[in-house]
Amino acid sequence: GGIASARRAATYGKKVGIIESGRLGGTCVNVGCVPKKVMWNAAGIAETLHDMKHYGFSGGELDGISFDWGFLKESRDAYIRRLNDIYKRNMANSNVTLISGRASIVADQEEGLAKLVQVIHDEESSDGSGKEGRTVASYSADRVLIAAGGYPMFPPGEGIMDHSISS
């Protein structure tokens, strides 16, 4: 992906920046594979507790065990934040600059090549009521890698969305 490519380019002495509008790690880390596995493991533990009597275990019956959904959610979210921070730290250690914002590529007027990247930084209002304004920064580059990530797509058809979920 984009982070691995950026870190690799930096090892070859290139000056590298990543422009990211969201949290580092993409779909898998933030809303896909990783949180799904945390929730799947929690469900597996609940199922194991339910089935333990069939394997000779006794005591700690289910009615004596409580579950705290808020605790599980906060633990999951903290784990994801930790992974986001690891990505950020690894990029810094690899001399990759993280630029927060959304990018667009602008063709160089003289050569007609995509050598200029403009980044829009949305700024929060001071009172927390929403977006206050935007600043635009420009960066030039000899090479630009676009690693936009992926999004779920469902085939068309009646009833598809009735039986589908995605991250």
N, C-alpha and C. Protein backbone atom coordinates (compact mmCIF):
# COMPACT_ATOMS: atom_id res chain seq x y z
N GLY A 1 0.80 -1.19 0.00
CA GLY A 1 0.00 0.00 0.00
C GLY A 1 0.84 1.25 0.00
N GLY A 2 0.18 2.36 0.21
CA GLY A 2 0.83 3.66 0.16
C GLY A 2 1.89 3.87 1.22
N ILE A 3 1.62 3.46 2.46
CA ILE A 3 2.59 3.67 3.53
C ILE A 3 3.84 2.84 3.29
N ALA A 4 3.68 1.58 2.92
CA ALA A 4 4.83 0.71 2.66
C ALA A 4 5.66 1.26 1.50
N SER A 5 4.99 1.74 0.46
CA SER A 5 5.70 2.30 -0.70
C SER A 5 6.46 3.56 -0.31
N ALA A 6 5.84 4.40 0.49
CA ALA A 6 6.48 5.64 0.93
C ALA A 6 7.71 5.35 1.78
N ARG A 7 7.58 4.42 2.70
CA ARG A 7 8.71 4.07 3.56
C ARG A 7 9.85 3.47 2.74
N ARG A 8 9.50 2.65 1.75
CA ARG A 8 10.53 2.04 0.90
C ARG A 8 11.25 3.12 0.09
N ALA A 9 10.51 4.06 -0.48
CA ALA A 9 11.13 5.14 -1.25
C ALA A 9 12.07 5.95 -0.36
N ALA A 10 11.68 6.17 0.88
CA ALA A 10 12.53 6.93 1.81
C ALA A 10 13.84 6.20 2.09
N THR A 11 13.80 4.86 2.11
CA THR A 11 15.05 4.11 2.35
C THR A 11 16.03 4.29 1.20
N TYR A 12 15.53 4.67 0.03
CA TYR A 12 16.39 4.95 -1.13
C TYR A 12 16.79 6.42 -1.20
N GLY A 13 16.54 7.15 -0.12
CA GLY A 13 16.98 8.53 -0.05
C GLY A 13 16.03 9.55 -0.66
N LYS A 14 14.84 9.13 -1.02
CA LYS A 14 13.87 10.07 -1.59
C LYS A 14 13.21 10.88 -0.48
N LYS A 15 12.88 12.12 -0.80
CA LYS A 15 12.09 12.94 0.13
C LYS A 15 10.64 12.58 -0.12
N VAL A 16 9.96 12.07 0.90
CA VAL A 16 8.64 11.48 0.72
C VAL A 16 7.62 12.09 1.67
N GLY A 17 6.44 12.32 1.16
CA GLY A 17 5.32 12.78 1.98
C GLY A 17 4.09 11.97 1.67
N ILE A 18 3.26 11.79 2.67
CA ILE A 18 1.96 11.12 2.50
C ILE A 18 0.89 12.13 2.86
N ILE A 19 -0.12 12.22 2.01
CA ILE A 19 -1.25 13.10 2.28
C ILE A 19 -2.42 12.21 2.66
N GLU A 20 -2.93 12.41 3.86
CA GLU A 20 -3.99 11.54 4.40
C GLU A 20 -5.08 12.41 5.01
N SER A 21 -6.32 12.13 4.65
CA SER A 21 -7.44 12.90 5.20
C SER A 21 -8.07 12.22 6.40
N GLY A 22 -7.77 10.96 6.60
CA GLY A 22 -8.37 10.22 7.71
C GLY A 22 -7.31 9.66 8.63
N ARG A 23 -7.66 8.56 9.25
CA ARG A 23 -6.73 7.90 10.16
C ARG A 23 -5.82 6.97 9.36
N LEU A 24 -4.59 6.83 9.80
CA LEU A 24 -3.63 5.97 9.11
C LEU A 24 -4.02 4.51 9.25
N GLY A 25 -3.75 3.75 8.22
CA GLY A 25 -4.00 2.31 8.26
C GLY A 25 -5.07 1.85 7.31
N GLY A 26 -5.87 2.77 6.82
CA GLY A 26 -6.88 2.42 5.83
C GLY A 26 -8.06 1.66 6.39
N THR A 27 -8.81 1.08 5.48
CA THR A 27 -10.05 0.37 5.82
C THR A 27 -9.79 -0.78 6.77
N CYS A 28 -8.78 -1.60 6.49
CA CYS A 28 -8.55 -2.80 7.29
C CYS A 28 -8.32 -2.45 8.76
N VAL A 29 -7.43 -1.53 9.02
CA VAL A 29 -7.10 -1.18 10.40
C VAL A 29 -8.24 -0.46 11.09
N ASN A 30 -8.87 0.47 10.41
CA ASN A 30 -9.82 1.37 11.08
C ASN A 30 -11.25 0.88 11.16
N VAL A 31 -11.76 0.25 10.13
CA VAL A 31 -13.16 -0.17 10.15
C VAL A 31 -13.39 -1.56 9.57
N GLY A 32 -12.33 -2.27 9.23
CA GLY A 32 -12.48 -3.57 8.58
C GLY A 32 -11.92 -4.71 9.39
N CYS A 33 -10.83 -5.28 8.90
CA CYS A 33 -10.24 -6.50 9.45
C CYS A 33 -9.99 -6.44 10.95
N VAL A 34 -9.30 -5.39 11.40
CA VAL A 34 -8.87 -5.34 12.79
C VAL A 34 -10.04 -5.23 13.76
N PRO A 35 -10.94 -4.24 13.63
CA PRO A 35 -12.06 -4.20 14.58
C PRO A 35 -12.95 -5.43 14.48
N LYS A 36 -13.08 -5.98 13.27
CA LYS A 36 -13.88 -7.20 13.10
C LYS A 36 -13.29 -8.34 13.91
N LYS A 37 -11.96 -8.48 13.89
CA LYS A 37 -11.32 -9.58 14.62
C LYS A 37 -11.47 -9.40 16.13
N VAL A 38 -11.41 -8.16 16.61
CA VAL A 38 -11.62 -7.92 18.04
C VAL A 38 -13.03 -8.36 18.43
N MET A 39 -14.01 -7.95 17.64
CA MET A 39 -15.40 -8.31 17.94
C MET A 39 -15.62 -9.81 17.78
N TRP A 40 -15.01 -10.40 16.79
CA TRP A 40 -15.12 -11.84 16.55
C TRP A 40 -14.55 -12.62 17.75
N ASN A 41 -13.40 -12.16 18.25
CA ASN A 41 -12.80 -12.82 19.42
C ASN A 41 -13.70 -12.71 20.64
N ALA A 42 -14.31 -11.55 20.84
CA ALA A 42 -15.23 -11.38 21.98
C ALA A 42 -16.41 -12.33 21.84
N ALA A 43 -16.95 -12.46 20.63
CA ALA A 43 -18.07 -13.38 20.41
C ALA A 43 -17.62 -14.82 20.65
N GLY A 44 -16.40 -15.14 20.24
CA GLY A 44 -15.86 -16.49 20.47
C GLY A 44 -15.73 -16.81 21.95
N ILE A 45 -15.31 -15.83 22.73
CA ILE A 45 -15.20 -16.04 24.18
C ILE A 45 -16.59 -16.28 24.77
N ALA A 46 -17.57 -15.49 24.36
CA ALA A 46 -18.93 -15.69 24.85
C ALA A 46 -19.44 -17.09 24.50
N GLU A 47 -19.15 -17.53 23.29
CA GLU A 47 -19.60 -18.86 22.86
C GLU A 47 -18.88 -19.96 23.66
N THR A 48 -17.60 -19.76 23.94
CA THR A 48 -16.84 -20.73 24.74
C THR A 48 -17.42 -20.83 26.14
N LEU A 49 -17.73 -19.68 26.74
CA LEU A 49 -18.34 -19.70 28.07
C LEU A 49 -19.68 -20.44 28.04
N HIS A 50 -20.43 -20.22 26.99
CA HIS A 50 -21.73 -20.87 26.85
C HIS A 50 -21.58 -22.39 26.74
N ASP A 51 -20.55 -22.85 26.04
CA ASP A 51 -20.36 -24.28 25.77
C ASP A 51 -19.50 -25.00 26.79
N MET A 52 -18.94 -24.31 27.78
CA MET A 52 -17.95 -24.94 28.66
C MET A 52 -18.49 -26.15 29.41
N LYS A 53 -19.75 -26.15 29.76
CA LYS A 53 -20.31 -27.28 30.51
C LYS A 53 -20.29 -28.57 29.70
N HIS A 54 -20.30 -28.44 28.37
CA HIS A 54 -20.26 -29.62 27.50
C HIS A 54 -18.87 -30.25 27.44
N TYR A 55 -17.91 -29.57 28.02
CA TYR A 55 -16.53 -30.07 28.00
C TYR A 55 -16.01 -30.34 29.42
N GLY A 56 -16.92 -30.46 30.36
CA GLY A 56 -16.54 -30.84 31.71
C GLY A 56 -16.20 -29.69 32.63
N PHE A 57 -16.37 -28.46 32.19
CA PHE A 57 -16.08 -27.32 33.06
C PHE A 57 -17.34 -26.94 33.81
N SER A 58 -17.17 -26.57 35.06
CA SER A 58 -18.30 -26.11 35.86
C SER A 58 -17.87 -24.90 36.67
N GLY A 59 -18.86 -24.25 37.27
CA GLY A 59 -18.57 -23.02 38.01
C GLY A 59 -18.58 -21.85 37.05
N GLY A 60 -18.73 -20.67 37.58
CA GLY A 60 -18.75 -19.48 36.74
C GLY A 60 -19.84 -19.54 35.68
N GLU A 61 -21.01 -20.00 36.09
CA GLU A 61 -22.11 -20.11 35.13
C GLU A 61 -22.41 -18.75 34.50
N LEU A 62 -23.01 -18.76 33.35
CA LEU A 62 -23.22 -17.53 32.60
C LEU A 62 -24.01 -16.47 33.36
N ASP A 63 -24.94 -16.90 34.20
CA ASP A 63 -25.72 -15.89 34.93
C ASP A 63 -24.87 -15.14 35.94
N GLY A 64 -23.68 -15.65 36.26
CA GLY A 64 -22.77 -14.95 37.16
C GLY A 64 -21.72 -14.13 36.44
N ILE A 65 -21.75 -14.15 35.12
CA ILE A 65 -20.76 -13.42 34.31
C ILE A 65 -21.45 -12.24 33.65
N SER A 66 -20.82 -11.08 33.76
CA SER A 66 -21.41 -9.89 33.13
C SER A 66 -20.57 -9.49 31.92
N PHE A 67 -21.20 -8.73 31.07
CA PHE A 67 -20.53 -8.24 29.87
C PHE A 67 -20.73 -6.74 29.79
N ASP A 68 -19.66 -6.01 29.49
CA ASP A 68 -19.70 -4.55 29.41
C ASP A 68 -19.39 -4.13 27.97
N TRP A 69 -20.44 -3.85 27.20
CA TRP A 69 -20.29 -3.47 25.80
C TRP A 69 -19.42 -2.22 25.66
N GLY A 70 -19.64 -1.23 26.50
CA GLY A 70 -18.86 0.01 26.44
C GLY A 70 -17.38 -0.24 26.64
N PHE A 71 -17.04 -1.14 27.56
CA PHE A 71 -15.64 -1.47 27.80
C PHE A 71 -15.03 -2.13 26.57
N LEU A 72 -15.75 -3.08 25.96
CA LEU A 72 -15.25 -3.74 24.75
C LEU A 72 -15.03 -2.73 23.64
N LYS A 73 -16.00 -1.85 23.43
CA LYS A 73 -15.88 -0.85 22.37
C LYS A 73 -14.70 0.07 22.61
N GLU A 74 -14.53 0.55 23.84
CA GLU A 74 -13.41 1.44 24.14
C GLU A 74 -12.08 0.71 23.99
N SER A 75 -12.01 -0.55 24.41
CA SER A 75 -10.78 -1.34 24.25
C SER A 75 -10.44 -1.52 22.77
N ARG A 76 -11.46 -1.83 21.97
CA ARG A 76 -11.26 -1.98 20.52
C ARG A 76 -10.76 -0.68 19.92
N ASP A 77 -11.40 0.43 20.26
CA ASP A 77 -11.02 1.72 19.70
C ASP A 77 -9.62 2.14 20.14
N ALA A 78 -9.26 1.83 21.40
CA ALA A 78 -7.91 2.14 21.89
C ALA A 78 -6.87 1.33 21.13
N TYR A 79 -7.18 0.08 20.84
CA TYR A 79 -6.27 -0.77 20.08
C TYR A 79 -6.05 -0.20 18.68
N ILE A 80 -7.11 0.26 18.04
CA ILE A 80 -7.00 0.86 16.71
C ILE A 80 -6.18 2.14 16.77
N ARG A 81 -6.42 2.98 17.78
CA ARG A 81 -5.63 4.21 17.93
C ARG A 81 -4.15 3.89 18.12
N ARG A 82 -3.88 2.82 18.86
CA ARG A 82 -2.49 2.39 19.06
C ARG A 82 -1.85 2.02 17.71
N LEU A 83 -2.59 1.30 16.88
CA LEU A 83 -2.08 0.93 15.56
C LEU A 83 -1.87 2.18 14.69
N ASN A 84 -2.81 3.14 14.75
CA ASN A 84 -2.64 4.40 14.02
C ASN A 84 -1.35 5.09 14.44
N ASP A 85 -1.09 5.12 15.75
CA ASP A 85 0.11 5.76 16.27
C ASP A 85 1.38 5.02 15.85
N ILE A 86 1.31 3.69 15.76
CA ILE A 86 2.46 2.91 15.30
C ILE A 86 2.78 3.27 13.86
N TYR A 87 1.76 3.36 13.01
CA TYR A 87 1.98 3.78 11.63
C TYR A 87 2.64 5.15 11.59
N LYS A 88 2.12 6.08 12.38
CA LYS A 88 2.66 7.44 12.41
C LYS A 88 4.12 7.44 12.86
N ARG A 89 4.42 6.70 13.92
CA ARG A 89 5.79 6.63 14.44
C ARG A 89 6.73 5.98 13.42
N ASN A 90 6.29 4.89 12.78
CA ASN A 90 7.13 4.22 11.78
C ASN A 90 7.42 5.14 10.60
N MET A 91 6.42 5.93 10.20
CA MET A 91 6.65 6.88 9.11
C MET A 91 7.67 7.93 9.52
N ALA A 92 7.53 8.47 10.73
CA ALA A 92 8.48 9.47 11.21
C ALA A 92 9.88 8.88 11.29
N ASN A 93 9.99 7.65 11.79
CA ASN A 93 11.30 7.00 11.89
C ASN A 93 11.91 6.72 10.52
N SER A 94 11.07 6.64 9.49
CA SER A 94 11.55 6.41 8.12
C SER A 94 11.72 7.71 7.34
N ASN A 95 11.57 8.84 8.02
CA ASN A 95 11.67 10.15 7.38
C ASN A 95 10.61 10.38 6.30
N VAL A 96 9.40 9.91 6.57
CA VAL A 96 8.26 10.16 5.70
C VAL A 96 7.40 11.23 6.38
N THR A 97 7.13 12.30 5.67
CA THR A 97 6.34 13.41 6.22
C THR A 97 4.86 13.12 6.07
N LEU A 98 4.11 13.27 7.15
CA LEU A 98 2.66 13.10 7.12
C LEU A 98 2.02 14.47 6.96
N ILE A 99 1.21 14.61 5.93
CA ILE A 99 0.51 15.85 5.64
C ILE A 99 -0.98 15.56 5.76
N SER A 100 -1.65 16.27 6.65
CA SER A 100 -3.08 16.04 6.87
C SER A 100 -3.89 16.88 5.89
N GLY A 101 -4.77 16.23 5.15
CA GLY A 101 -5.62 16.96 4.22
C GLY A 101 -6.06 16.08 3.07
N ARG A 102 -6.66 16.71 2.07
CA ARG A 102 -7.11 16.02 0.85
C ARG A 102 -6.33 16.60 -0.32
N ALA A 103 -5.89 15.72 -1.21
CA ALA A 103 -5.01 16.15 -2.29
C ALA A 103 -5.70 16.14 -3.64
N SER A 104 -5.22 17.00 -4.51
CA SER A 104 -5.57 16.93 -5.92
C SER A 104 -4.30 17.19 -6.71
N ILE A 105 -4.21 16.56 -7.86
CA ILE A 105 -3.02 16.69 -8.68
C ILE A 105 -3.31 17.69 -9.79
N VAL A 106 -2.39 18.63 -9.96
CA VAL A 106 -2.54 19.69 -10.94
C VAL A 106 -1.43 19.55 -11.97
N ALA A 107 -1.77 19.60 -13.24
CA ALA A 107 -0.76 19.48 -14.29
C ALA A 107 0.12 20.72 -14.33
N ASP A 108 1.40 20.51 -14.56
CA ASP A 108 2.35 21.60 -14.75
C ASP A 108 2.00 22.30 -16.07
N GLN A 109 1.81 23.60 -16.04
CA GLN A 109 1.36 24.33 -17.23
C GLN A 109 2.37 24.25 -18.38
N GLU A 110 3.66 24.27 -18.05
CA GLU A 110 4.68 24.27 -19.10
C GLU A 110 4.86 22.90 -19.73
N GLU A 111 4.89 21.86 -18.90
CA GLU A 111 5.18 20.53 -19.41
C GLU A 111 3.95 19.65 -19.56
N GLY A 112 2.84 20.06 -18.96
CA GLY A 112 1.63 19.25 -19.03
C GLY A 112 1.71 17.98 -18.19
N LEU A 113 2.64 17.92 -17.27
CA LEU A 113 2.81 16.75 -16.42
C LEU A 113 2.26 17.02 -15.03
N ALA A 114 1.85 15.97 -14.37
CA ALA A 114 1.32 16.09 -13.01
C ALA A 114 2.49 16.18 -12.04
N LYS A 115 2.94 17.40 -11.77
CA LYS A 115 4.07 17.58 -10.88
C LYS A 115 3.73 18.44 -9.66
N LEU A 116 2.51 18.91 -9.61
CA LEU A 116 2.11 19.77 -8.51
C LEU A 116 0.94 19.13 -7.79
N VAL A 117 1.07 19.00 -6.49
CA VAL A 117 0.01 18.43 -5.68
C VAL A 117 -0.50 19.54 -4.76
N GLN A 118 -1.79 19.80 -4.83
CA GLN A 118 -2.39 20.78 -3.94
C GLN A 118 -3.12 20.03 -2.83
N VAL A 119 -2.94 20.50 -1.62
CA VAL A 119 -3.56 19.87 -0.46
C VAL A 119 -4.51 20.86 0.19
N ILE A 120 -5.74 20.42 0.40
CA ILE A 120 -6.73 21.24 1.10
C ILE A 120 -6.78 20.78 2.55
N HIS A 121 -6.55 21.70 3.45
CA HIS A 121 -6.64 21.43 4.88
C HIS A 121 -7.94 22.04 5.38
N ASP A 122 -8.88 21.22 5.81
CA ASP A 122 -10.10 21.74 6.43
C ASP A 122 -9.77 22.09 7.86
N GLU A 123 -10.19 23.25 8.29
CA GLU A 123 -9.91 23.70 9.64
C GLU A 123 -11.19 23.74 10.46
N GLU A 124 -11.11 23.20 11.67
CA GLU A 124 -12.25 23.20 12.58
C GLU A 124 -12.47 24.61 13.12
N SER A 125 -13.71 24.94 13.36
CA SER A 125 -14.01 26.23 13.97
C SER A 125 -13.55 26.22 15.42
N SER A 126 -13.25 27.38 15.95
CA SER A 126 -12.74 27.47 17.31
C SER A 126 -13.76 27.05 18.35
N ASP A 127 -15.06 27.15 18.02
CA ASP A 127 -16.08 26.76 18.99
C ASP A 127 -16.55 25.32 18.80
N GLY A 128 -15.94 24.58 17.87
CA GLY A 128 -16.29 23.18 17.66
C GLY A 128 -17.57 22.96 16.89
N SER A 129 -18.11 24.01 16.26
CA SER A 129 -19.40 23.88 15.58
C SER A 129 -19.29 23.34 14.16
N GLY A 130 -18.11 23.16 13.66
CA GLY A 130 -17.96 22.62 12.31
C GLY A 130 -16.76 23.20 11.60
N LYS A 131 -16.72 23.02 10.30
CA LYS A 131 -15.59 23.49 9.50
C LYS A 131 -15.63 25.01 9.39
N GLU A 132 -14.50 25.62 9.66
CA GLU A 132 -14.44 27.07 9.61
C GLU A 132 -13.89 27.57 8.28
N GLY A 133 -12.89 26.91 7.77
CA GLY A 133 -12.30 27.39 6.53
C GLY A 133 -11.35 26.36 5.96
N ARG A 134 -10.69 26.77 4.91
CA ARG A 134 -9.76 25.87 4.24
C ARG A 134 -8.49 26.63 3.93
N THR A 135 -7.40 25.93 4.02
CA THR A 135 -6.14 26.47 3.52
C THR A 135 -5.65 25.51 2.46
N VAL A 136 -4.94 26.04 1.50
CA VAL A 136 -4.41 25.23 0.41
C VAL A 136 -2.90 25.36 0.42
N ALA A 137 -2.24 24.23 0.38
CA ALA A 137 -0.78 24.20 0.28
C ALA A 137 -0.42 23.46 -1.00
N SER A 138 0.70 23.83 -1.60
CA SER A 138 1.13 23.17 -2.83
C SER A 138 2.48 22.52 -2.62
N TYR A 139 2.64 21.36 -3.21
CA TYR A 139 3.88 20.60 -3.15
C TYR A 139 4.23 20.16 -4.56
N SER A 140 5.50 20.24 -4.90
CA SER A 140 5.92 19.75 -6.22
C SER A 140 6.59 18.40 -6.04
N ALA A 141 6.50 17.59 -7.09
CA ALA A 141 7.07 16.25 -7.02
C ALA A 141 7.43 15.77 -8.41
N ASP A 142 8.53 15.04 -8.50
CA ASP A 142 8.90 14.41 -9.77
C ASP A 142 8.04 13.18 -10.02
N ARG A 143 7.66 12.52 -8.94
CA ARG A 143 6.84 11.31 -9.05
C ARG A 143 5.74 11.36 -8.00
N VAL A 144 4.56 10.90 -8.38
CA VAL A 144 3.42 10.87 -7.47
C VAL A 144 2.81 9.47 -7.52
N LEU A 145 2.66 8.86 -6.36
CA LEU A 145 1.99 7.56 -6.26
C LEU A 145 0.60 7.81 -5.68
N ILE A 146 -0.40 7.32 -6.35
CA ILE A 146 -1.77 7.45 -5.86
C ILE A 146 -2.17 6.12 -5.25
N ALA A 147 -2.37 6.10 -3.95
CA ALA A 147 -2.82 4.90 -3.24
C ALA A 147 -4.07 5.30 -2.47
N ALA A 148 -5.18 5.31 -3.16
CA ALA A 148 -6.42 5.86 -2.60
C ALA A 148 -7.18 4.88 -1.72
N GLY A 149 -6.73 3.64 -1.64
CA GLY A 149 -7.44 2.67 -0.82
C GLY A 149 -8.65 2.12 -1.56
N GLY A 150 -9.41 1.34 -0.86
CA GLY A 150 -10.55 0.70 -1.49
C GLY A 150 -11.83 0.94 -0.71
N TYR A 151 -12.92 0.74 -1.39
CA TYR A 151 -14.23 0.88 -0.79
C TYR A 151 -15.08 -0.33 -1.19
N PRO A 152 -15.98 -0.77 -0.33
CA PRO A 152 -16.83 -1.91 -0.70
C PRO A 152 -17.74 -1.57 -1.87
N MET A 153 -17.99 -2.55 -2.69
CA MET A 153 -18.91 -2.39 -3.81
C MET A 153 -19.82 -3.61 -3.85
N PHE A 154 -21.09 -3.37 -4.05
CA PHE A 154 -22.06 -4.45 -4.11
C PHE A 154 -22.60 -4.56 -5.52
N PRO A 155 -22.79 -5.77 -5.99
CA PRO A 155 -23.37 -5.93 -7.33
C PRO A 155 -24.83 -5.48 -7.31
N PRO A 156 -25.31 -5.02 -8.46
CA PRO A 156 -26.72 -4.62 -8.51
C PRO A 156 -27.62 -5.85 -8.43
N GLY A 157 -28.79 -5.66 -7.96
CA GLY A 157 -29.75 -6.76 -7.92
C GLY A 157 -30.70 -6.62 -6.76
N GLU A 158 -31.86 -7.12 -6.95
CA GLU A 158 -32.88 -7.04 -5.92
C GLU A 158 -32.49 -7.92 -4.73
N GLY A 159 -32.59 -7.37 -3.55
CA GLY A 159 -32.34 -8.13 -2.32
C GLY A 159 -30.88 -8.21 -1.91
N ILE A 160 -29.96 -7.73 -2.75
CA ILE A 160 -28.54 -7.82 -2.41
C ILE A 160 -28.26 -7.10 -1.09
N MET A 161 -28.73 -5.88 -0.95
CA MET A 161 -28.44 -5.10 0.24
C MET A 161 -29.18 -5.62 1.47
N ASP A 162 -30.23 -6.39 1.28
CA ASP A 162 -30.95 -6.97 2.41
C ASP A 162 -30.12 -8.03 3.12
N HIS A 163 -29.16 -8.59 2.41
CA HIS A 163 -28.36 -9.69 2.96
C HIS A 163 -26.87 -9.37 2.91
N SER A 164 -26.52 -8.09 2.99
CA SER A 164 -25.12 -7.69 2.87
C SER A 164 -24.74 -6.74 4.00
N ILE A 165 -23.49 -6.84 4.40
CA ILE A 165 -22.91 -5.86 5.32
C ILE A 165 -21.51 -5.54 4.80
N SER A 166 -20.99 -4.43 5.22
CA SER A 166 -19.63 -4.07 4.84
C SER A 166 -19.02 -3.24 5.94
N SER A 167 -17.74 -3.01 5.81
CA SER A 167 -17.06 -2.14 6.76
C SER A 167 -17.23 -0.72 6.30
